[in-house]
């Protein structure tokens, strides 16, 4: 499955759960995660999507590490199964 197909499943799933799944573009800051998820309860999750065999670049690894040091919830979703697991987690977050 292509990364853009995995991303569509995430976007559609988050919307069905009453949340938002915004494309994250940050001019001048390379390596940022693909999406910002805002759940129906207001929880914010940054998501980097990869295919089952995809790998993070060094720049992505560095950016994710920096974000996590600041206590940001950053997830690397490797394949469709990881997206399904995150959607299940979001489903049980209290509103």
C-alpha atoms as a PDB file:
ATOM      1  CA  UNK A   1       0.000   0.000   0.000  1.00  0.00           C
ATOM      2  CA  UNK A   2       1.295   3.460  -0.909  1.00  0.00           C
ATOM      3  CA  UNK A   3       1.949   6.110   1.739  1.00  0.00           C
ATOM      4  CA  UNK A   4      -0.734   8.383   0.307  1.00  0.00           C
ATOM      5  CA  UNK A   5      -3.293   5.563   0.653  1.00  0.00           C
ATOM      6  CA  UNK A   6      -2.271   4.988   4.272  1.00  0.00           C
ATOM      7  CA  UNK A   7      -2.541   8.737   4.888  1.00  0.00           C
ATOM      8  CA  UNK A   8      -6.060   8.817   3.418  1.00  0.00           C
ATOM      9  CA  UNK A   9      -7.149   6.017   5.780  1.00  0.00           C
ATOM     10  CA  UNK A  10      -5.825   8.051   8.717  1.00  0.00           C
ATOM     11  CA  UNK A  11      -7.508  11.282   7.604  1.00  0.00           C
ATOM     12  CA  UNK A  12     -10.852   9.579   6.944  1.00  0.00           C
ATOM     13  CA  UNK A  13     -10.707   7.623  10.207  1.00  0.00           C
ATOM     14  CA  UNK A  14      -9.922  10.648  12.357  1.00  0.00           C
ATOM     15  CA  UNK A  15     -12.738  12.631  10.724  1.00  0.00           C
ATOM     16  CA  UNK A  16     -15.212   9.780  11.395  1.00  0.00           C
ATOM     17  CA  UNK A  17     -14.222   9.978  15.058  1.00  0.00           C
ATOM     18  CA  UNK A  18     -15.042  13.697  15.170  1.00  0.00           C
ATOM     19  CA  UNK A  19     -11.467  14.953  15.002  1.00  0.00           C
ATOM     20  CA  UNK A  20      -9.295  16.858  12.574  1.00  0.00           C
ATOM     21  CA  UNK A  21      -6.278  15.539  10.686  1.00  0.00           C
ATOM     22  CA  UNK A  22      -4.388  18.498   9.244  1.00  0.00           C
ATOM     23  CA  UNK A  23      -1.498  18.400   6.794  1.00  0.00           C
ATOM     24  CA  UNK A  24       1.568  19.726   8.622  1.00  0.00           C
ATOM     25  CA  UNK A  25       3.699  22.047   6.510  1.00  0.00           C
ATOM     26  CA  UNK A  26       6.232  24.245   8.262  1.00  0.00           C
ATOM     27  CA  UNK A  27       8.244  26.421   5.882  1.00  0.00           C
ATOM     28  CA  UNK A  28      11.842  26.626   7.022  1.00  0.00           C
ATOM     29  CA  UNK A  29      11.524  23.548   9.262  1.00  0.00           C
ATOM     30  CA  UNK A  30      12.350  20.388   7.384  1.00  0.00           C
ATOM     31  CA  UNK A  31      11.537  16.911   8.672  1.00  0.00           C
ATOM     32  CA  UNK A  32       8.262  17.748  10.420  1.00  0.00           C
ATOM     33  CA  UNK A  33       5.650  14.957  10.698  1.00  0.00           C
ATOM     34  CA  UNK A  34       3.066  14.578   7.928  1.00  0.00           C
ATOM     35  CA  UNK A  35      -0.065  15.267   9.978  1.00  0.00           C
ATOM     36  CA  UNK A  36      -1.356  17.015  13.088  1.00  0.00           C
ATOM     37  CA  UNK A  37      -4.278  15.167  14.625  1.00  0.00           C
ATOM     38  CA  UNK A  38      -6.675  16.992  16.928  1.00  0.00           C
ATOM     39  CA  UNK A  39      -9.043  14.514  18.534  1.00  0.00           C
ATOM     40  CA  UNK A  40     -12.636  15.299  19.457  1.00  0.00           C
ATOM     41  CA  UNK A  41     -11.444  15.733  23.058  1.00  0.00           C
ATOM     42  CA  UNK A  42      -8.676  18.153  22.053  1.00  0.00           C
ATOM     43  CA  UNK A  43      -5.675  15.821  22.359  1.00  0.00           C
ATOM     44  CA  UNK A  44      -2.950  16.702  19.829  1.00  0.00           C
ATOM     45  CA  UNK A  45      -0.913  13.991  18.122  1.00  0.00           C
ATOM     46  CA  UNK A  46       1.713  14.493  15.422  1.00  0.00           C
ATOM     47  CA  UNK A  47       1.882  11.607  12.949  1.00  0.00           C
ATOM     48  CA  UNK A  48       4.600  10.639  10.478  1.00  0.00           C
ATOM     49  CA  UNK A  49       3.325   8.050   8.035  1.00  0.00           C
ATOM     50  CA  UNK A  50       5.411   5.363   6.378  1.00  0.00           C
ATOM     51  CA  UNK A  51       4.709   2.287   4.307  1.00  0.00           C
ATOM     52  CA  UNK A  52       5.427  -1.106   5.873  1.00  0.00           C
ATOM     53  CA  UNK A  53       8.960  -0.882   4.514  1.00  0.00           C
ATOM     54  CA  UNK A  54       9.449   2.905   4.685  1.00  0.00           C
ATOM     55  CA  UNK A  55      12.162   4.448   6.852  1.00  0.00           C
ATOM     56  CA  UNK A  56      12.638   7.790   8.559  1.00  0.00           C
ATOM     57  CA  UNK A  57      15.274  10.096   7.139  1.00  0.00           C
ATOM     58  CA  UNK A  58      17.975  11.414   9.481  1.00  0.00           C
ATOM     59  CA  UNK A  59      16.269  14.807   9.375  1.00  0.00           C
ATOM     60  CA  UNK A  60      12.926  13.285  10.366  1.00  0.00           C
ATOM     61  CA  UNK A  61      14.566  11.350  13.201  1.00  0.00           C
ATOM     62  CA  UNK A  62      16.160  14.548  14.508  1.00  0.00           C
ATOM     63  CA  UNK A  63      12.936  16.571  14.290  1.00  0.00           C
ATOM     64  CA  UNK A  64      10.869  13.867  15.997  1.00  0.00           C
ATOM     65  CA  UNK A  65      13.472  13.580  18.749  1.00  0.00           C
ATOM     66  CA  UNK A  66      13.415  17.353  19.335  1.00  0.00           C
ATOM     67  CA  UNK A  67       9.622  17.408  19.431  1.00  0.00           C
ATOM     68  CA  UNK A  68       9.512  14.514  21.896  1.00  0.00           C
ATOM     69  CA  UNK A  69      12.027  16.278  24.148  1.00  0.00           C
ATOM     70  CA  UNK A  70       9.417  19.036  24.386  1.00  0.00           C
ATOM     71  CA  UNK A  71       6.861  16.412  25.454  1.00  0.00           C
ATOM     72  CA  UNK A  72       4.978  16.433  22.124  1.00  0.00           C
ATOM     73  CA  UNK A  73       3.063  13.253  21.305  1.00  0.00           C
ATOM     74  CA  UNK A  74       4.720  12.205  18.036  1.00  0.00           C
ATOM     75  CA  UNK A  75       3.924   8.866  16.413  1.00  0.00           C
ATOM     76  CA  UNK A  76       5.562   7.091  13.508  1.00  0.00           C
ATOM     77  CA  UNK A  77       2.829   5.032  11.868  1.00  0.00           C
ATOM     78  CA  UNK A  78       4.418   2.217   9.900  1.00  0.00           C
ATOM     79  CA  UNK A  79       1.762   0.771   7.595  1.00  0.00           C
ATOM     80  CA  UNK A  80      -1.999   0.410   7.711  1.00  0.00           C
ATOM     81  CA  UNK A  81      -2.016  -1.702  10.892  1.00  0.00           C
ATOM     82  CA  UNK A  82      -0.377   1.131  12.853  1.00  0.00           C
ATOM     83  CA  UNK A  83      -3.047   3.547  11.580  1.00  0.00           C
ATOM     84  CA  UNK A  84      -5.797   1.149  12.693  1.00  0.00           C
ATOM     85  CA  UNK A  85      -4.193   0.871  16.145  1.00  0.00           C
ATOM     86  CA  UNK A  86      -4.005   4.655  16.534  1.00  0.00           C
ATOM     87  CA  UNK A  87      -7.632   5.037  15.445  1.00  0.00           C
ATOM     88  CA  UNK A  88      -8.644   2.461  18.062  1.00  0.00           C
ATOM     89  CA  UNK A  89      -6.707   4.438  20.684  1.00  0.00           C
ATOM     90  CA  UNK A  90      -8.365   7.694  19.617  1.00  0.00           C
ATOM     91  CA  UNK A  91     -11.779   6.016  19.754  1.00  0.00           C
ATOM     92  CA  UNK A  92     -11.387   5.382  23.506  1.00  0.00           C
ATOM     93  CA  UNK A  93     -10.064   8.843  24.455  1.00  0.00           C
ATOM     94  CA  UNK A  94     -12.810  10.439  26.586  1.00  0.00           C
ATOM     95  CA  UNK A  95     -14.583  13.400  24.992  1.00  0.00           C
END
